């Protein structure tokens, strides 16, 4: 219940931020344009994760970006982030889909509530090989100069526990 309340409050905060236009119409328009550009970049990153082709992520992620959602802590730098994202596609038997449920953006942040679906190709996803999975994910991504500089990912504790308990390499 507390988690649901937290998600709802976070959504409300981002809604207010995304809808606030300020007193200067041109500043509001620039913020909206930057928000749209950031959404396009976030969705391009999602498509790269789905396909497993991370070769163009430098178009969307800063060379000194930090992913705060690494399995063993912060992942620093574009090359390290690309190395961590590439295998995700292989875990999902070529049918990984990241479906946007809701997204909000401004000139600095993108908030995406996603549903990841696919078929487990390895036991690393916390499900037996060959079984279907569906995971709700919340991503918060910070942008500067139209590139990702920081990323946080939030999942339901039960889903994280399943993945942690999964025997690796089966």
C-alpha atoms as a PDB file:
ATOM      1  CA  UNK A   1       0.000   0.000   0.000  1.00  0.00           C
ATOM      2  CA  UNK A   2       2.836   2.391   0.875  1.00  0.00           C
ATOM      3  CA  UNK A   3       4.539   1.571  -2.437  1.00  0.00           C
ATOM      4  CA  UNK A   4       1.351   2.366  -4.370  1.00  0.00           C
ATOM      5  CA  UNK A   5       0.985   5.639  -2.493  1.00  0.00           C
ATOM      6  CA  UNK A   6       4.625   6.468  -3.226  1.00  0.00           C
ATOM      7  CA  UNK A   7       4.156   5.770  -6.942  1.00  0.00           C
ATOM      8  CA  UNK A   8       0.995   7.883  -7.026  1.00  0.00           C
ATOM      9  CA  UNK A   9       2.726  10.782  -5.261  1.00  0.00           C
ATOM     10  CA  UNK A  10       5.708  10.536  -7.617  1.00  0.00           C
ATOM     11  CA  UNK A  11       3.360  10.538 -10.598  1.00  0.00           C
ATOM     12  CA  UNK A  12       1.547  13.590  -9.225  1.00  0.00           C
ATOM     13  CA  UNK A  13       4.827  15.464  -8.715  1.00  0.00           C
ATOM     14  CA  UNK A  14       5.992  14.698 -12.244  1.00  0.00           C
ATOM     15  CA  UNK A  15       2.567  15.647 -13.635  1.00  0.00           C
ATOM     16  CA  UNK A  16       2.766  19.033 -11.962  1.00  0.00           C
ATOM     17  CA  UNK A  17       6.329  19.548 -13.218  1.00  0.00           C
ATOM     18  CA  UNK A  18       5.412  18.492 -16.771  1.00  0.00           C
ATOM     19  CA  UNK A  19       2.276  20.643 -16.889  1.00  0.00           C
ATOM     20  CA  UNK A  20       3.787  23.798 -15.351  1.00  0.00           C
ATOM     21  CA  UNK A  21       4.312  26.324 -18.124  1.00  0.00           C
ATOM     22  CA  UNK A  22       5.589  29.277 -16.116  1.00  0.00           C
ATOM     23  CA  UNK A  23       4.816  32.916 -16.909  1.00  0.00           C
ATOM     24  CA  UNK A  24       7.036  33.110 -20.012  1.00  0.00           C
ATOM     25  CA  UNK A  25       5.333  31.455 -22.976  1.00  0.00           C
ATOM     26  CA  UNK A  26       8.560  31.030 -24.961  1.00  0.00           C
ATOM     27  CA  UNK A  27      10.313  29.456 -21.961  1.00  0.00           C
ATOM     28  CA  UNK A  28       7.369  27.089 -21.554  1.00  0.00           C
ATOM     29  CA  UNK A  29       7.524  26.198 -25.254  1.00  0.00           C
ATOM     30  CA  UNK A  30      11.280  25.536 -25.048  1.00  0.00           C
ATOM     31  CA  UNK A  31      10.728  23.345 -21.980  1.00  0.00           C
ATOM     32  CA  UNK A  32       8.017  21.396 -23.836  1.00  0.00           C
ATOM     33  CA  UNK A  33      10.268  20.946 -26.890  1.00  0.00           C
ATOM     34  CA  UNK A  34      13.139  19.763 -24.690  1.00  0.00           C
ATOM     35  CA  UNK A  35      10.779  17.401 -22.886  1.00  0.00           C
ATOM     36  CA  UNK A  36       9.640  15.911 -26.198  1.00  0.00           C
ATOM     37  CA  UNK A  37      13.255  15.505 -27.354  1.00  0.00           C
ATOM     38  CA  UNK A  38      14.097  13.782 -24.077  1.00  0.00           C
ATOM     39  CA  UNK A  39      11.118  11.425 -24.475  1.00  0.00           C
ATOM     40  CA  UNK A  40      12.275  10.504 -27.979  1.00  0.00           C
ATOM     41  CA  UNK A  41      15.762   9.751 -26.617  1.00  0.00           C
ATOM     42  CA  UNK A  42      14.398   7.643 -23.734  1.00  0.00           C
ATOM     43  CA  UNK A  43      12.258   5.635 -26.145  1.00  0.00           C
ATOM     44  CA  UNK A  44      15.200   5.156 -28.535  1.00  0.00           C
ATOM     45  CA  UNK A  45      17.156   3.688 -25.612  1.00  0.00           C
ATOM     46  CA  UNK A  46      14.231   1.336 -24.873  1.00  0.00           C
ATOM     47  CA  UNK A  47      14.229   0.158 -28.522  1.00  0.00           C
ATOM     48  CA  UNK A  48      17.991  -0.459 -28.334  1.00  0.00           C
ATOM     49  CA  UNK A  49      17.516  -2.602 -25.223  1.00  0.00           C
ATOM     50  CA  UNK A  50      14.729  -4.549 -26.946  1.00  0.00           C
ATOM     51  CA  UNK A  51      16.829  -5.205 -30.055  1.00  0.00           C
ATOM     52  CA  UNK A  52      20.145  -5.736 -28.278  1.00  0.00           C
ATOM     53  CA  UNK A  53      21.819  -3.246 -30.636  1.00  0.00           C
ATOM     54  CA  UNK A  54      23.411  -0.720 -28.292  1.00  0.00           C
ATOM     55  CA  UNK A  55      25.871   0.633 -30.866  1.00  0.00           C
ATOM     56  CA  UNK A  56      24.108   4.018 -31.207  1.00  0.00           C
ATOM     57  CA  UNK A  57      23.503   4.701 -27.520  1.00  0.00           C
ATOM     58  CA  UNK A  58      26.183   7.405 -27.627  1.00  0.00           C
ATOM     59  CA  UNK A  59      23.603   9.473 -29.528  1.00  0.00           C
ATOM     60  CA  UNK A  60      21.419   9.496 -26.393  1.00  0.00           C
ATOM     61  CA  UNK A  61      23.684   8.857 -23.394  1.00  0.00           C
ATOM     62  CA  UNK A  62      26.517  11.107 -22.210  1.00  0.00           C
ATOM     63  CA  UNK A  63      30.002   9.556 -22.128  1.00  0.00           C
ATOM     64  CA  UNK A  64      30.189  10.238 -18.368  1.00  0.00           C
ATOM     65  CA  UNK A  65      26.632   9.160 -17.502  1.00  0.00           C
ATOM     66  CA  UNK A  66      25.876   7.182 -14.348  1.00  0.00           C
ATOM     67  CA  UNK A  67      23.312   4.380 -14.153  1.00  0.00           C
ATOM     68  CA  UNK A  68      22.357   4.064 -10.497  1.00  0.00           C
ATOM     69  CA  UNK A  69      20.528   0.787 -11.236  1.00  0.00           C
ATOM     70  CA  UNK A  70      23.474  -1.499 -11.788  1.00  0.00           C
ATOM     71  CA  UNK A  71      23.360  -4.990 -10.333  1.00  0.00           C
ATOM     72  CA  UNK A  72      26.405  -4.207  -8.158  1.00  0.00           C
ATOM     73  CA  UNK A  73      25.954  -0.450  -7.699  1.00  0.00           C
ATOM     74  CA  UNK A  74      26.549   2.545  -9.942  1.00  0.00           C
ATOM     75  CA  UNK A  75      27.600   1.883 -13.524  1.00  0.00           C
ATOM     76  CA  UNK A  76      29.761   4.770 -14.714  1.00  0.00           C
ATOM     77  CA  UNK A  77      30.427   5.792 -18.291  1.00  0.00           C
ATOM     78  CA  UNK A  78      28.819   5.090 -21.639  1.00  0.00           C
ATOM     79  CA  UNK A  79      30.918   2.027 -22.482  1.00  0.00           C
ATOM     80  CA  UNK A  80      30.114   0.367 -19.141  1.00  0.00           C
ATOM     81  CA  UNK A  81      26.425   1.180 -19.508  1.00  0.00           C
ATOM     82  CA  UNK A  82      26.367  -0.280 -23.025  1.00  0.00           C
ATOM     83  CA  UNK A  83      28.115  -3.431 -21.776  1.00  0.00           C
ATOM     84  CA  UNK A  84      25.456  -3.808 -19.069  1.00  0.00           C
ATOM     85  CA  UNK A  85      22.486  -3.216 -21.374  1.00  0.00           C
ATOM     86  CA  UNK A  86      23.501  -5.466 -24.278  1.00  0.00           C
ATOM     87  CA  UNK A  87      22.927  -8.804 -22.461  1.00  0.00           C
ATOM     88  CA  UNK A  88      19.389  -7.883 -21.359  1.00  0.00           C
ATOM     89  CA  UNK A  89      18.102  -8.673 -24.852  1.00  0.00           C
ATOM     90  CA  UNK A  90      19.667 -12.148 -24.719  1.00  0.00           C
ATOM     91  CA  UNK A  91      17.877 -12.951 -21.447  1.00  0.00           C
ATOM     92  CA  UNK A  92      14.496 -12.605 -23.151  1.00  0.00           C
ATOM     93  CA  UNK A  93      14.562 -15.044 -26.118  1.00  0.00           C
ATOM     94  CA  UNK A  94      14.373 -12.254 -28.717  1.00  0.00           C
ATOM     95  CA  UNK A  95      10.842 -11.216 -27.711  1.00  0.00           C
ATOM     96  CA  UNK A  96      11.598  -8.548 -25.101  1.00  0.00           C
ATOM     97  CA  UNK A  97       9.151  -5.656 -25.247  1.00  0.00           C
ATOM     98  CA  UNK A  98       9.198  -2.499 -23.162  1.00  0.00           C
ATOM     99  CA  UNK A  99       5.681  -1.091 -23.330  1.00  0.00           C
ATOM    100  CA  UNK A 100       5.077   2.445 -22.053  1.00  0.00           C
ATOM    101  CA  UNK A 101       2.157   2.661 -19.653  1.00  0.00           C
ATOM    102  CA  UNK A 102       2.696   6.332 -18.814  1.00  0.00           C
ATOM    103  CA  UNK A 103       5.479   8.827 -19.420  1.00  0.00           C
ATOM    104  CA  UNK A 104       6.107  12.411 -18.415  1.00  0.00           C
ATOM    105  CA  UNK A 105       8.972  14.690 -19.349  1.00  0.00           C
ATOM    106  CA  UNK A 106      10.414  18.146 -19.036  1.00  0.00           C
ATOM    107  CA  UNK A 107      13.742  19.672 -20.019  1.00  0.00           C
ATOM    108  CA  UNK A 108      15.611  17.815 -17.258  1.00  0.00           C
ATOM    109  CA  UNK A 109      13.799  14.559 -16.407  1.00  0.00           C
ATOM    110  CA  UNK A 110      11.882  11.741 -18.057  1.00  0.00           C
ATOM    111  CA  UNK A 111       9.637   9.542 -15.952  1.00  0.00           C
ATOM    112  CA  UNK A 112       8.481   6.286 -17.571  1.00  0.00           C
ATOM    113  CA  UNK A 113       6.271   3.579 -16.164  1.00  0.00           C
ATOM    114  CA  UNK A 114       6.973   0.528 -18.326  1.00  0.00           C
ATOM    115  CA  UNK A 115       5.842  -3.052 -18.604  1.00  0.00           C
ATOM    116  CA  UNK A 116       8.632  -5.414 -19.664  1.00  0.00           C
ATOM    117  CA  UNK A 117       7.381  -8.630 -21.242  1.00  0.00           C
ATOM    118  CA  UNK A 118       9.042 -11.573 -22.909  1.00  0.00           C
ATOM    119  CA  UNK A 119      10.072 -15.186 -22.601  1.00  0.00           C
ATOM    120  CA  UNK A 120      12.920 -16.083 -20.254  1.00  0.00           C
ATOM    121  CA  UNK A 121      15.855 -17.414 -22.264  1.00  0.00           C
ATOM    122  CA  UNK A 122      18.032 -17.719 -19.150  1.00  0.00           C
ATOM    123  CA  UNK A 123      17.250 -18.163 -15.462  1.00  0.00           C
ATOM    124  CA  UNK A 124      18.702 -14.708 -14.714  1.00  0.00           C
ATOM    125  CA  UNK A 125      15.293 -13.052 -15.031  1.00  0.00           C
ATOM    126  CA  UNK A 126      14.029 -15.016 -12.017  1.00  0.00           C
ATOM    127  CA  UNK A 127      11.761 -17.263 -14.064  1.00  0.00           C
ATOM    128  CA  UNK A 128      12.347 -20.748 -15.464  1.00  0.00           C
ATOM    129  CA  UNK A 129      13.776 -20.847 -18.992  1.00  0.00           C
ATOM    130  CA  UNK A 130      10.946 -20.789 -21.531  1.00  0.00           C
ATOM    131  CA  UNK A 131       8.397 -19.169 -19.234  1.00  0.00           C
ATOM    132  CA  UNK A 132       6.691 -15.863 -19.982  1.00  0.00           C
ATOM    133  CA  UNK A 133       7.411 -12.885 -17.742  1.00  0.00           C
ATOM    134  CA  UNK A 134       5.877  -9.494 -17.140  1.00  0.00           C
ATOM    135  CA  UNK A 135       7.626  -6.920 -14.955  1.00  0.00           C
ATOM    136  CA  UNK A 136       6.430  -3.412 -14.112  1.00  0.00           C
ATOM    137  CA  UNK A 137       9.348  -0.959 -14.080  1.00  0.00           C
ATOM    138  CA  UNK A 138       9.608   2.736 -13.266  1.00  0.00           C
ATOM    139  CA  UNK A 139      12.524   4.610 -14.859  1.00  0.00           C
ATOM    140  CA  UNK A 140      13.646   8.097 -13.902  1.00  0.00           C
ATOM    141  CA  UNK A 141      16.188   9.554 -16.297  1.00  0.00           C
ATOM    142  CA  UNK A 142      18.002  12.865 -15.982  1.00  0.00           C
ATOM    143  CA  UNK A 143      19.034  14.755 -19.101  1.00  0.00           C
ATOM    144  CA  UNK A 144      21.464  17.552 -19.809  1.00  0.00           C
ATOM    145  CA  UNK A 145      22.038  18.937 -23.297  1.00  0.00           C
ATOM    146  CA  UNK A 146      19.672  16.300 -24.758  1.00  0.00           C
ATOM    147  CA  UNK A 147      21.652  13.337 -23.379  1.00  0.00           C
ATOM    148  CA  UNK A 148      21.131  11.060 -20.403  1.00  0.00           C
ATOM    149  CA  UNK A 149      23.422  11.923 -17.496  1.00  0.00           C
ATOM    150  CA  UNK A 150      21.796   9.778 -14.776  1.00  0.00           C
ATOM    151  CA  UNK A 151      19.321   6.897 -14.582  1.00  0.00           C
ATOM    152  CA  UNK A 152      17.417   5.215 -11.753  1.00  0.00           C
ATOM    153  CA  UNK A 153      15.173   2.158 -12.072  1.00  0.00           C
ATOM    154  CA  UNK A 154      12.565   0.972  -9.597  1.00  0.00           C
ATOM    155  CA  UNK A 155      10.849  -2.407  -9.510  1.00  0.00           C
ATOM    156  CA  UNK A 156       8.457  -4.135  -7.136  1.00  0.00           C
ATOM    157  CA  UNK A 157      10.325  -5.783  -4.249  1.00  0.00           C
ATOM    158  CA  UNK A 158       8.788  -9.201  -4.977  1.00  0.00           C
ATOM    159  CA  UNK A 159      10.064  -9.107  -8.569  1.00  0.00           C
ATOM    160  CA  UNK A 160      13.549  -8.116  -7.405  1.00  0.00           C
ATOM    161  CA  UNK A 161      13.560 -10.940  -4.846  1.00  0.00           C
ATOM    162  CA  UNK A 162      12.638 -13.471  -7.543  1.00  0.00           C
ATOM    163  CA  UNK A 163      15.575 -12.334  -9.666  1.00  0.00           C
ATOM    164  CA  UNK A 164      17.955 -12.387  -6.699  1.00  0.00           C
ATOM    165  CA  UNK A 165      16.910 -15.938  -5.807  1.00  0.00           C
ATOM    166  CA  UNK A 166      17.296 -17.181  -9.379  1.00  0.00           C
ATOM    167  CA  UNK A 167      20.153 -19.629  -9.933  1.00  0.00           C
ATOM    168  CA  UNK A 168      22.515 -17.946 -12.409  1.00  0.00           C
ATOM    169  CA  UNK A 169      23.533 -19.678 -15.591  1.00  0.00           C
ATOM    170  CA  UNK A 170      20.704 -22.234 -15.871  1.00  0.00           C
END
